[in-house]
Amino acid sequence: MDSYLVAILTVAGIYLILALALNLQFGLTGLINFGVVGFYGLGAYASGIATETFHAPFLAGLLAALIIGAIAGALVALLSLRLSGDFLAIVTLGFAETIRLVFNNEDWLTHGPSGFIIVTRPVIAGLSRTATSWMVLGVILLAALLVLLLMMRLADTPYGRVLRAVREDDLVPATLGKNIFMYRLQAFVLGSAIMAGTGSLYAHYVQTITPDNFTTPVAILVWMSVIVGGAGNMKGTVLGALAVVFIYEGTRFIGPWLTMLDAEQISALRFIIIGVALILMIRFRPEGLLPEAYQRPAEAASRITPSKG
């Protein structure tokens, strides 16, 4: 049971970092990125290739993932950030699918569907299996804490206030002399680099990665973490990620009660439960479990009571 709890907390830490990166892009800046798994997978394979093909240490693999993620984010952003929200969503979704197809077909580089085996781990060599699991959990939770502190600090600075202004109405900061495109570019690149770095942590945790690890259901869970927690609220993202992961993992235990369903049907049912929970959340609490402290203009206007007379 202890090992299962450690595994759940490790996965929760990974989803938390991904959700924080997405919250920077979507929650603060208003950029719709449906290509989360593209950057996530790119970082995982970049780190794996660096450590296993070129025999680099883990930290070098992590650095390679961050750089590759930032470059990919910059290229996608330069091609699409001048588009409106819907078009940006389509471009990023296409990017994620393109990356997955590359992983699946370039056997000489990624080993294709058979999987890329990663031996290098972010731990001290020679530890027992239990000690290794706890140390990997510690590394991932430390990374999550650092990213959380960075995001909270960024959100409270004048820079974060400009990102919110860009999200609400980019014409206002533009009239004040702010370079809207550069702010969007910076937020998108930073978020993409963090997603790729998370891919590195994930790859060295599971030690075998395949293209199937980086599909749309992963992005759905990340998006749900942001929406459930409260878009724009970094503390809410922590709560949202924990809630989503524990709901998703907790539904594993419904199998023995539904003997009439096979494993594939139970897996689909788990996502149905997640989807229903998301619908209920959007219907009854669209601002999330922990709404953003910043008051949006539309919300502020709705609170103003017209004077009589």
C-alpha atoms as a PDB file:
ATOM      1  CA  MET A   1       0.000   0.000   0.000  1.00  0.00           C
ATOM      2  CA  ASP A   2       2.878   2.361   0.792  1.00  0.00           C
ATOM      3  CA  SER A   3       4.417   1.801  -2.633  1.00  0.00           C
ATOM      4  CA  TYR A   4       1.063   2.470  -4.302  1.00  0.00           C
ATOM      5  CA  LEU A   5       0.669   5.716  -2.359  1.00  0.00           C
ATOM      6  CA  VAL A   6       4.188   6.780  -3.356  1.00  0.00           C
ATOM      7  CA  ALA A   7       3.336   6.046  -6.997  1.00  0.00           C
ATOM      8  CA  ILE A   8       0.136   8.119  -6.807  1.00  0.00           C
ATOM      9  CA  LEU A   9       1.956  11.052  -5.191  1.00  0.00           C
ATOM     10  CA  THR A  10       4.680  10.852  -7.833  1.00  0.00           C
ATOM     11  CA  VAL A  11       2.139  10.958 -10.659  1.00  0.00           C
ATOM     12  CA  ALA A  12       0.294  13.782  -8.882  1.00  0.00           C
ATOM     13  CA  GLY A  13       3.549  15.759  -8.706  1.00  0.00           C
ATOM     14  CA  ILE A  14       4.098  15.315 -12.438  1.00  0.00           C
ATOM     15  CA  TYR A  15       0.559  16.430 -13.293  1.00  0.00           C
ATOM     16  CA  LEU A  16       0.899  19.348 -10.900  1.00  0.00           C
ATOM     17  CA  ILE A  17       3.955  20.715 -12.729  1.00  0.00           C
ATOM     18  CA  LEU A  18       2.212  20.311 -16.090  1.00  0.00           C
ATOM     19  CA  ALA A  19      -0.890  22.067 -14.735  1.00  0.00           C
ATOM     20  CA  LEU A  20       1.164  24.965 -13.330  1.00  0.00           C
ATOM     21  CA  ALA A  21       2.816  25.456 -16.719  1.00  0.00           C
ATOM     22  CA  LEU A  22      -0.578  25.387 -18.448  1.00  0.00           C
ATOM     23  CA  ASN A  23      -1.973  27.801 -15.859  1.00  0.00           C
ATOM     24  CA  LEU A  24       0.759  30.265 -16.800  1.00  0.00           C
ATOM     25  CA  GLN A  25      -0.224  30.028 -20.456  1.00  0.00           C
ATOM     26  CA  PHE A  26      -3.990  29.777 -20.127  1.00  0.00           C
ATOM     27  CA  GLY A  27      -4.872  30.953 -16.627  1.00  0.00           C
ATOM     28  CA  LEU A  28      -2.695  34.066 -16.605  1.00  0.00           C
ATOM     29  CA  THR A  29      -2.192  34.890 -20.277  1.00  0.00           C
ATOM     30  CA  GLY A  30      -5.282  33.407 -21.928  1.00  0.00           C
ATOM     31  CA  LEU A  31      -3.366  31.221 -24.412  1.00  0.00           C
ATOM     32  CA  ILE A  32      -5.189  28.017 -25.316  1.00  0.00           C
ATOM     33  CA  ASN A  33      -2.564  25.287 -25.583  1.00  0.00           C
ATOM     34  CA  PHE A  34      -3.990  21.891 -26.509  1.00  0.00           C
ATOM     35  CA  GLY A  35      -0.490  20.664 -27.348  1.00  0.00           C
ATOM     36  CA  VAL A  36       0.563  19.968 -23.759  1.00  0.00           C
ATOM     37  CA  VAL A  37       1.487  16.351 -24.515  1.00  0.00           C
ATOM     38  CA  GLY A  38       3.584  17.441 -27.497  1.00  0.00           C
ATOM     39  CA  PHE A  39       5.978  19.453 -25.329  1.00  0.00           C
ATOM     40  CA  TYR A  40       5.733  16.868 -22.537  1.00  0.00           C
ATOM     41  CA  GLY A  41       6.732  14.036 -24.863  1.00  0.00           C
ATOM     42  CA  LEU A  42       9.391  16.096 -26.600  1.00  0.00           C
ATOM     43  CA  GLY A  43      11.114  16.685 -23.274  1.00  0.00           C
ATOM     44  CA  ALA A  44      10.846  13.020 -22.306  1.00  0.00           C
ATOM     45  CA  TYR A  45      12.474  11.789 -25.509  1.00  0.00           C
ATOM     46  CA  ALA A  46      15.059  14.591 -25.575  1.00  0.00           C
ATOM     47  CA  SER A  47      16.186  13.709 -22.069  1.00  0.00           C
ATOM     48  CA  GLY A  48      16.141   9.986 -22.779  1.00  0.00           C
ATOM     49  CA  ILE A  49      18.206  10.372 -25.950  1.00  0.00           C
ATOM     50  CA  ALA A  50      20.682  12.642 -24.153  1.00  0.00           C
ATOM     51  CA  THR A  51      21.237  10.204 -21.276  1.00  0.00           C
ATOM     52  CA  GLU A  52      21.016   6.859 -23.071  1.00  0.00           C
ATOM     53  CA  THR A  53      22.301   7.589 -26.582  1.00  0.00           C
ATOM     54  CA  PHE A  54      24.921  10.187 -25.647  1.00  0.00           C
ATOM     55  CA  HIS A  55      25.527   8.916 -22.082  1.00  0.00           C
ATOM     56  CA  ALA A  56      24.924  12.305 -20.449  1.00  0.00           C
ATOM     57  CA  PRO A  57      24.021  12.566 -16.744  1.00  0.00           C
ATOM     58  CA  PHE A  58      20.450  13.170 -15.633  1.00  0.00           C
ATOM     59  CA  LEU A  59      20.877  16.926 -15.098  1.00  0.00           C
ATOM     60  CA  ALA A  60      22.250  17.292 -18.634  1.00  0.00           C
ATOM     61  CA  GLY A  61      19.225  15.399 -19.939  1.00  0.00           C
ATOM     62  CA  LEU A  62      16.918  17.679 -17.964  1.00  0.00           C
ATOM     63  CA  LEU A  63      18.688  20.736 -19.350  1.00  0.00           C
ATOM     64  CA  ALA A  64      18.385  19.339 -22.877  1.00  0.00           C
ATOM     65  CA  ALA A  65      14.646  18.840 -22.348  1.00  0.00           C
ATOM     66  CA  LEU A  66      14.192  22.415 -21.117  1.00  0.00           C
ATOM     67  CA  ILE A  67      16.105  23.838 -24.094  1.00  0.00           C
ATOM     68  CA  ILE A  68      14.301  21.691 -26.664  1.00  0.00           C
ATOM     69  CA  GLY A  69      10.960  22.572 -25.089  1.00  0.00           C
ATOM     70  CA  ALA A  70      11.756  26.286 -25.160  1.00  0.00           C
ATOM     71  CA  ILE A  71      12.850  26.137 -28.818  1.00  0.00           C
ATOM     72  CA  ALA A  72       9.744  24.173 -29.828  1.00  0.00           C
ATOM     73  CA  GLY A  73       7.549  26.571 -27.863  1.00  0.00           C
ATOM     74  CA  ALA A  74       9.162  29.548 -29.575  1.00  0.00           C
ATOM     75  CA  LEU A  75       8.662  28.038 -33.040  1.00  0.00           C
ATOM     76  CA  VAL A  76       5.008  27.192 -32.383  1.00  0.00           C
ATOM     77  CA  ALA A  77       4.426  30.615 -30.829  1.00  0.00           C
ATOM     78  CA  LEU A  78       6.065  32.531 -33.672  1.00  0.00           C
ATOM     79  CA  LEU A  79       3.848  30.688 -36.143  1.00  0.00           C
ATOM     80  CA  SER A  80       0.574  30.953 -34.255  1.00  0.00           C
ATOM     81  CA  LEU A  81       0.420  33.585 -31.515  1.00  0.00           C
ATOM     82  CA  ARG A  82      -0.847  36.256 -33.884  1.00  0.00           C
ATOM     83  CA  LEU A  83      -3.868  34.030 -34.524  1.00  0.00           C
ATOM     84  CA  SER A  84      -7.038  34.157 -32.457  1.00  0.00           C
ATOM     85  CA  GLY A  85      -7.691  31.722 -29.612  1.00  0.00           C
ATOM     86  CA  ASP A  86      -9.491  29.032 -31.629  1.00  0.00           C
ATOM     87  CA  PHE A  87      -6.811  28.919 -34.312  1.00  0.00           C
ATOM     88  CA  LEU A  88      -4.051  28.740 -31.693  1.00  0.00           C
ATOM     89  CA  ALA A  89      -5.820  25.763 -30.117  1.00  0.00           C
ATOM     90  CA  ILE A  90      -5.949  23.970 -33.481  1.00  0.00           C
ATOM     91  CA  VAL A  91      -2.270  24.691 -34.218  1.00  0.00           C
ATOM     92  CA  THR A  92      -1.093  23.375 -30.852  1.00  0.00           C
ATOM     93  CA  LEU A  93      -3.300  20.284 -31.161  1.00  0.00           C
ATOM     94  CA  GLY A  94      -1.806  19.617 -34.592  1.00  0.00           C
ATOM     95  CA  PHE A  95       1.689  20.093 -33.168  1.00  0.00           C
ATOM     96  CA  ALA A  96       1.069  17.483 -30.467  1.00  0.00           C
ATOM     97  CA  GLU A  97      -0.233  14.941 -32.980  1.00  0.00           C
ATOM     98  CA  THR A  98       2.690  15.597 -35.344  1.00  0.00           C
ATOM     99  CA  ILE A  99       5.190  15.027 -32.534  1.00  0.00           C
ATOM    100  CA  ARG A 100       3.454  11.769 -31.576  1.00  0.00           C
ATOM    101  CA  LEU A 101       3.642  10.521 -35.166  1.00  0.00           C
ATOM    102  CA  VAL A 102       7.355  11.331 -35.273  1.00  0.00           C
ATOM    103  CA  PHE A 103       7.894   9.365 -32.059  1.00  0.00           C
ATOM    104  CA  ASN A 104       5.940   6.452 -33.522  1.00  0.00           C
ATOM    105  CA  ASN A 105       7.687   6.266 -36.891  1.00  0.00           C
ATOM    106  CA  GLU A 106      11.308   7.364 -36.403  1.00  0.00           C
ATOM    107  CA  ASP A 107      12.532   4.037 -35.006  1.00  0.00           C
ATOM    108  CA  TRP A 108      16.203   4.937 -35.521  1.00  0.00           C
ATOM    109  CA  LEU A 109      15.843   7.743 -32.975  1.00  0.00           C
ATOM    110  CA  THR A 110      12.928   6.905 -30.662  1.00  0.00           C
ATOM    111  CA  HIS A 111      12.654   3.095 -31.087  1.00  0.00           C
ATOM    112  CA  GLY A 112       9.065   3.599 -32.230  1.00  0.00           C
ATOM    113  CA  PRO A 113       6.157   1.714 -30.637  1.00  0.00           C
ATOM    114  CA  SER A 114       8.471  -0.806 -28.958  1.00  0.00           C
ATOM    115  CA  GLY A 115       9.504   1.781 -26.404  1.00  0.00           C
ATOM    116  CA  PHE A 116      12.607   3.732 -25.448  1.00  0.00           C
ATOM    117  CA  ILE A 117      14.334   2.220 -22.408  1.00  0.00           C
ATOM    118  CA  ILE A 118      15.947   4.657 -19.957  1.00  0.00           C
ATOM    119  CA  VAL A 119      18.356   3.353 -17.323  1.00  0.00           C
ATOM    120  CA  THR A 120      19.515   6.672 -15.862  1.00  0.00           C
ATOM    121  CA  ARG A 121      17.608   7.800 -12.759  1.00  0.00           C
ATOM    122  CA  PRO A 122      17.743  11.024 -10.693  1.00  0.00           C
ATOM    123  CA  VAL A 123      18.809   9.109  -7.584  1.00  0.00           C
ATOM    124  CA  ILE A 124      21.913   7.844  -5.816  1.00  0.00           C
ATOM    125  CA  ALA A 125      23.028   4.502  -7.226  1.00  0.00           C
ATOM    126  CA  GLY A 126      22.832   1.414  -5.044  1.00  0.00           C
ATOM    127  CA  LEU A 127      19.655   2.244  -3.125  1.00  0.00           C
ATOM    128  CA  SER A 128      16.953  -0.335  -2.501  1.00  0.00           C
ATOM    129  CA  ARG A 129      13.811  -0.325  -4.625  1.00  0.00           C
ATOM    130  CA  THR A 130      11.759   1.291  -1.862  1.00  0.00           C
ATOM    131  CA  ALA A 131      14.393   3.932  -1.123  1.00  0.00           C
ATOM    132  CA  THR A 132      14.703   4.698  -4.845  1.00  0.00           C
ATOM    133  CA  SER A 133      10.932   5.222  -5.139  1.00  0.00           C
ATOM    134  CA  TRP A 134      10.940   7.630  -2.200  1.00  0.00           C
ATOM    135  CA  MET A 135      13.927   9.538  -3.565  1.00  0.00           C
ATOM    136  CA  VAL A 136      12.349   9.894  -7.010  1.00  0.00           C
ATOM    137  CA  LEU A 137       9.198  11.169  -5.298  1.00  0.00           C
ATOM    138  CA  GLY A 138      11.320  13.674  -3.377  1.00  0.00           C
ATOM    139  CA  VAL A 139      12.965  14.940  -6.571  1.00  0.00           C
ATOM    140  CA  ILE A 140       9.617  15.397  -8.326  1.00  0.00           C
ATOM    141  CA  LEU A 141       7.987  17.089  -5.324  1.00  0.00           C
ATOM    142  CA  LEU A 142      11.002  19.412  -5.002  1.00  0.00           C
ATOM    143  CA  ALA A 143      10.660  20.315  -8.685  1.00  0.00           C
ATOM    144  CA  ALA A 144       6.920  20.905  -8.198  1.00  0.00           C
ATOM    145  CA  LEU A 145       7.602  23.161  -5.202  1.00  0.00           C
ATOM    146  CA  LEU A 146      10.173  25.205  -7.119  1.00  0.00           C
ATOM    147  CA  VAL A 147       7.821  25.636 -10.090  1.00  0.00           C
ATOM    148  CA  LEU A 148       4.941  26.555  -7.762  1.00  0.00           C
ATOM    149  CA  LEU A 149       7.037  29.221  -5.996  1.00  0.00           C
ATOM    150  CA  LEU A 150       8.201  30.574  -9.366  1.00  0.00           C
ATOM    151  CA  MET A 151       4.648  30.758 -10.722  1.00  0.00           C
ATOM    152  CA  MET A 152       3.270  32.373  -7.553  1.00  0.00           C
ATOM    153  CA  ARG A 153       6.070  34.929  -7.537  1.00  0.00           C
ATOM    154  CA  LEU A 154       5.591  35.676 -11.231  1.00  0.00           C
ATOM    155  CA  ALA A 155       1.812  36.045 -10.844  1.00  0.00           C
ATOM    156  CA  ASP A 156       2.218  38.640  -8.069  1.00  0.00           C
ATOM    157  CA  THR A 157       4.694  40.847  -9.936  1.00  0.00           C
ATOM    158  CA  PRO A 158       3.914  43.700 -12.346  1.00  0.00           C
ATOM    159  CA  TYR A 159       4.834  41.246 -15.088  1.00  0.00           C
ATOM    160  CA  GLY A 160       2.020  38.947 -13.972  1.00  0.00           C
ATOM    161  CA  ARG A 161      -0.416  41.862 -13.899  1.00  0.00           C
ATOM    162  CA  VAL A 162       0.480  42.658 -17.497  1.00  0.00           C
ATOM    163  CA  LEU A 163      -0.189  39.026 -18.454  1.00  0.00           C
ATOM    164  CA  ARG A 164      -3.628  39.285 -16.849  1.00  0.00           C
ATOM    165  CA  ALA A 165      -4.267  42.506 -18.729  1.00  0.00           C
ATOM    166  CA  VAL A 166      -3.291  40.774 -21.978  1.00  0.00           C
ATOM    167  CA  ARG A 167      -5.700  37.967 -21.116  1.00  0.00           C
ATOM    168  CA  GLU A 168      -8.611  40.314 -20.419  1.00  0.00           C
ATOM    169  CA  ASP A 169      -8.187  42.859 -23.209  1.00  0.00           C
ATOM    170  CA  ASP A 170      -4.885  43.167 -25.043  1.00  0.00           C
ATOM    171  CA  LEU A 171      -5.867  46.576 -26.418  1.00  0.00           C
ATOM    172  CA  VAL A 172      -5.485  48.177 -22.967  1.00  0.00           C
ATOM    173  CA  PRO A 173      -1.844  47.169 -22.319  1.00  0.00           C
ATOM    174  CA  ALA A 174      -1.054  47.876 -25.977  1.00  0.00           C
ATOM    175  CA  THR A 175      -2.182  51.485 -25.567  1.00  0.00           C
ATOM    176  CA  LEU A 176       0.176  51.730 -22.566  1.00  0.00           C
ATOM    177  CA  GLY A 177       3.130  50.787 -24.732  1.00  0.00           C
ATOM    178  CA  LYS A 178       3.385  47.100 -23.835  1.00  0.00           C
ATOM    179  CA  ASN A 179       4.588  44.692 -26.522  1.00  0.00           C
ATOM    180  CA  ILE A 180       1.691  42.232 -26.431  1.00  0.00           C
ATOM    181  CA  PHE A 181       3.285  39.707 -28.752  1.00  0.00           C
ATOM    182  CA  MET A 182       6.485  39.524 -26.669  1.00  0.00           C
ATOM    183  CA  TYR A 183       4.543  38.959 -23.447  1.00  0.00           C
ATOM    184  CA  ARG A 184       2.569  36.161 -25.047  1.00  0.00           C
ATOM    185  CA  LEU A 185       5.721  34.698 -26.565  1.00  0.00           C
ATOM    186  CA  GLN A 186       7.562  34.718 -23.237  1.00  0.00           C
ATOM    187  CA  ALA A 187       4.674  33.097 -21.359  1.00  0.00           C
ATOM    188  CA  PHE A 188       4.233  30.424 -24.014  1.00  0.00           C
ATOM    189  CA  VAL A 189       7.950  29.610 -24.208  1.00  0.00           C
ATOM    190  CA  LEU A 190       8.369  29.433 -20.422  1.00  0.00           C
ATOM    191  CA  GLY A 191       5.320  27.202 -20.047  1.00  0.00           C
ATOM    192  CA  SER A 192       6.472  24.936 -22.891  1.00  0.00           C
ATOM    193  CA  ALA A 193       9.965  24.600 -21.389  1.00  0.00           C
ATOM    194  CA  ILE A 194       8.483  23.589 -18.020  1.00  0.00           C
ATOM    195  CA  MET A 195       6.236  21.017 -19.732  1.00  0.00           C
ATOM    196  CA  ALA A 196       9.277  19.545 -21.494  1.00  0.00           C
ATOM    197  CA  GLY A 197      11.236  19.485 -18.231  1.00  0.00           C
ATOM    198  CA  THR A 198       8.341  17.582 -16.662  1.00  0.00           C
ATOM    199  CA  GLY A 199       8.621  15.087 -19.507  1.00  0.00           C
ATOM    200  CA  SER A 200      12.236  14.519 -18.513  1.00  0.00           C
ATOM    201  CA  LEU A 201      11.224  13.791 -14.906  1.00  0.00           C
ATOM    202  CA  TYR A 202       8.504  11.422 -16.095  1.00  0.00           C
ATOM    203  CA  ALA A 203      10.822   9.550 -18.479  1.00  0.00           C
ATOM    204  CA  HIS A 204      13.431   8.903 -15.806  1.00  0.00           C
ATOM    205  CA  TYR A 205      10.702   7.842 -13.393  1.00  0.00           C
ATOM    206  CA  VAL A 206       8.952   5.219 -15.565  1.00  0.00           C
ATOM    207  CA  GLN A 207      12.203   4.275 -17.417  1.00  0.00           C
ATOM    208  CA  THR A 208      10.359   3.077 -20.524  1.00  0.00           C
ATOM    209  CA  ILE A 209       8.488   5.542 -22.710  1.00  0.00           C
ATOM    210  CA  THR A 210       6.363   4.937 -25.797  1.00  0.00           C
ATOM    211  CA  PRO A 211       4.317   7.278 -28.014  1.00  0.00           C
ATOM    212  CA  ASP A 212       1.194   6.014 -26.223  1.00  0.00           C
ATOM    213  CA  ASN A 213       2.367   7.774 -23.061  1.00  0.00           C
ATOM    214  CA  PHE A 214       1.783  11.143 -24.717  1.00  0.00           C
ATOM    215  CA  THR A 215      -1.777  11.130 -26.005  1.00  0.00           C
ATOM    216  CA  THR A 216      -4.841  13.343 -25.643  1.00  0.00           C
ATOM    217  CA  PRO A 217      -6.143  11.787 -22.375  1.00  0.00           C
ATOM    218  CA  VAL A 218      -3.047  13.114 -20.591  1.00  0.00           C
ATOM    219  CA  ALA A 219      -3.811  16.632 -21.839  1.00  0.00           C
ATOM    220  CA  ILE A 220      -7.429  16.243 -20.696  1.00  0.00           C
ATOM    221  CA  LEU A 221      -6.309  15.485 -17.138  1.00  0.00           C
ATOM    222  CA  VAL A 222      -3.951  18.471 -17.145  1.00  0.00           C
ATOM    223  CA  TRP A 223      -6.641  20.825 -18.442  1.00  0.00           C
ATOM    224  CA  MET A 224      -9.097  19.487 -15.898  1.00  0.00           C
ATOM    225  CA  SER A 225      -6.585  20.129 -13.102  1.00  0.00           C
ATOM    226  CA  VAL A 226      -6.424  23.798 -14.101  1.00  0.00           C
ATOM    227  CA  ILE A 227     -10.187  24.222 -14.526  1.00  0.00           C
ATOM    228  CA  VAL A 228     -11.137  22.355 -11.346  1.00  0.00           C
ATOM    229  CA  GLY A 229      -8.523  24.157  -9.267  1.00  0.00           C
ATOM    230  CA  GLY A 230      -9.282  27.607 -10.648  1.00  0.00           C
ATOM    231  CA  ALA A 231      -7.680  29.134 -13.739  1.00  0.00           C
ATOM    232  CA  GLY A 232      -5.220  31.862 -12.806  1.00  0.00           C
ATOM    233  CA  ASN A 233      -4.825  30.661  -9.205  1.00  0.00           C
ATOM    234  CA  MET A 234      -1.589  28.726  -8.670  1.00  0.00           C
ATOM    235  CA  LYS A 235      -2.644  27.408  -5.254  1.00  0.00           C
ATOM    236  CA  GLY A 236      -5.898  26.279  -6.804  1.00  0.00           C
ATOM    237  CA  THR A 237      -3.915  24.361  -9.413  1.00  0.00           C
ATOM    238  CA  VAL A 238      -2.286  22.355  -6.628  1.00  0.00           C
ATOM    239  CA  LEU A 239      -5.706  21.426  -5.258  1.00  0.00           C
ATOM    240  CA  GLY A 240      -7.069  20.712  -8.720  1.00  0.00           C
ATOM    241  CA  ALA A 241      -4.181  18.427  -9.713  1.00  0.00           C
ATOM    242  CA  LEU A 242      -4.430  16.453  -6.475  1.00  0.00           C
ATOM    243  CA  ALA A 243      -8.207  16.124  -6.821  1.00  0.00           C
ATOM    244  CA  VAL A 244      -8.062  14.975 -10.451  1.00  0.00           C
ATOM    245  CA  VAL A 245      -5.276  12.441  -9.900  1.00  0.00           C
ATOM    246  CA  PHE A 246      -6.867  10.952  -6.802  1.00  0.00           C
ATOM    247  CA  ILE A 247     -10.273  10.727  -8.518  1.00  0.00           C
ATOM    248  CA  TYR A 248      -8.701   9.104 -11.579  1.00  0.00           C
ATOM    249  CA  GLU A 249      -6.585   6.677  -9.552  1.00  0.00           C
ATOM    250  CA  GLY A 250      -9.380   6.022  -7.069  1.00  0.00           C
ATOM    251  CA  THR A 251     -11.661   4.802  -9.852  1.00  0.00           C
ATOM    252  CA  ARG A 252      -9.287   1.853 -10.344  1.00  0.00           C
ATOM    253  CA  PHE A 253     -11.032   0.229  -7.409  1.00  0.00           C
ATOM    254  CA  ILE A 254     -14.423   0.109  -9.154  1.00  0.00           C
ATOM    255  CA  GLY A 255     -13.286  -2.849 -11.263  1.00  0.00           C
ATOM    256  CA  PRO A 256     -14.157  -5.615  -8.749  1.00  0.00           C
ATOM    257  CA  TRP A 257     -17.670  -4.157  -8.427  1.00  0.00           C
ATOM    258  CA  LEU A 258     -18.300  -4.170 -12.188  1.00  0.00           C
ATOM    259  CA  THR A 259     -17.504  -7.720 -13.199  1.00  0.00           C
ATOM    260  CA  MET A 260     -19.651  -7.431 -16.316  1.00  0.00           C
ATOM    261  CA  LEU A 261     -17.146  -4.964 -17.840  1.00  0.00           C
ATOM    262  CA  ASP A 262     -13.736  -5.828 -19.280  1.00  0.00           C
ATOM    263  CA  ALA A 263     -10.538  -3.856 -18.582  1.00  0.00           C
ATOM    264  CA  GLU A 264     -10.935  -1.626 -21.658  1.00  0.00           C
ATOM    265  CA  GLN A 265     -14.513  -0.714 -20.752  1.00  0.00           C
ATOM    266  CA  ILE A 266     -13.528   0.073 -17.164  1.00  0.00           C
ATOM    267  CA  SER A 267     -10.733   2.317 -18.438  1.00  0.00           C
ATOM    268  CA  ALA A 268     -13.260   4.182 -20.596  1.00  0.00           C
ATOM    269  CA  LEU A 269     -15.652   4.417 -17.654  1.00  0.00           C
ATOM    270  CA  ARG A 270     -12.959   6.078 -15.557  1.00  0.00           C
ATOM    271  CA  PHE A 271     -12.671   8.885 -18.113  1.00  0.00           C
ATOM    272  CA  ILE A 272     -16.450   9.146 -18.266  1.00  0.00           C
ATOM    273  CA  ILE A 273     -16.461   9.731 -14.512  1.00  0.00           C
ATOM    274  CA  ILE A 274     -13.748  12.392 -14.932  1.00  0.00           C
ATOM    275  CA  GLY A 275     -15.781  14.012 -17.722  1.00  0.00           C
ATOM    276  CA  VAL A 276     -18.980  14.071 -15.661  1.00  0.00           C
ATOM    277  CA  ALA A 277     -17.099  15.620 -12.753  1.00  0.00           C
ATOM    278  CA  LEU A 278     -15.740  18.314 -15.081  1.00  0.00           C
ATOM    279  CA  ILE A 279     -19.208  19.069 -16.464  1.00  0.00           C
ATOM    280  CA  LEU A 280     -20.628  19.394 -12.955  1.00  0.00           C
ATOM    281  CA  MET A 281     -17.763  21.644 -11.922  1.00  0.00           C
ATOM    282  CA  ILE A 282     -18.234  23.955 -14.908  1.00  0.00           C
ATOM    283  CA  ARG A 283     -21.986  24.023 -14.331  1.00  0.00           C
ATOM    284  CA  PHE A 284     -22.023  24.738 -10.603  1.00  0.00           C
ATOM    285  CA  ARG A 285     -18.621  26.305  -9.897  1.00  0.00           C
ATOM    286  CA  PRO A 286     -17.071  27.566 -13.145  1.00  0.00           C
ATOM    287  CA  GLU A 287     -14.490  29.665 -11.271  1.00  0.00           C
ATOM    288  CA  GLY A 288     -12.959  26.493  -9.759  1.00  0.00           C
ATOM    289  CA  LEU A 289     -12.366  25.297  -6.217  1.00  0.00           C
ATOM    290  CA  LEU A 290     -10.081  28.253  -5.447  1.00  0.00           C
ATOM    291  CA  PRO A 291     -11.036  31.196  -7.678  1.00  0.00           C
ATOM    292  CA  GLU A 292      -8.401  33.672  -8.741  1.00  0.00           C
ATOM    293  CA  ALA A 293      -8.113  36.516  -6.207  1.00  0.00           C
ATOM    294  CA  TYR A 294      -7.820  39.000  -9.059  1.00  0.00           C
ATOM    295  CA  GLN A 295     -11.270  40.314  -9.931  1.00  0.00           C
ATOM    296  CA  ARG A 296     -12.018  40.204 -13.632  1.00  0.00           C
ATOM    297  CA  PRO A 297     -13.591  43.340 -15.112  1.00  0.00           C
ATOM    298  CA  ALA A 298     -16.805  41.519 -16.043  1.00  0.00           C
ATOM    299  CA  GLU A 299     -17.159  40.184 -12.508  1.00  0.00           C
ATOM    300  CA  ALA A 300     -16.449  43.577 -11.007  1.00  0.00           C
ATOM    301  CA  ALA A 301     -19.061  45.198 -13.216  1.00  0.00           C
ATOM    302  CA  SER A 302     -21.671  42.617 -12.227  1.00  0.00           C
ATOM    303  CA  ARG A 303     -21.183  43.540  -8.573  1.00  0.00           C
ATOM    304  CA  ILE A 304     -21.964  47.202  -9.121  1.00  0.00           C
ATOM    305  CA  THR A 305     -25.531  48.005  -8.111  1.00  0.00           C
ATOM    306  CA  PRO A 306     -27.064  50.830 -10.179  1.00  0.00           C
ATOM    307  CA  SER A 307     -27.951  53.822  -8.010  1.00  0.00           C
ATOM    308  CA  LYS A 308     -31.619  54.674  -7.709  1.00  0.00           C
ATOM    309  CA  GLY A 309     -32.861  58.031  -8.730  1.00  0.00           C
END
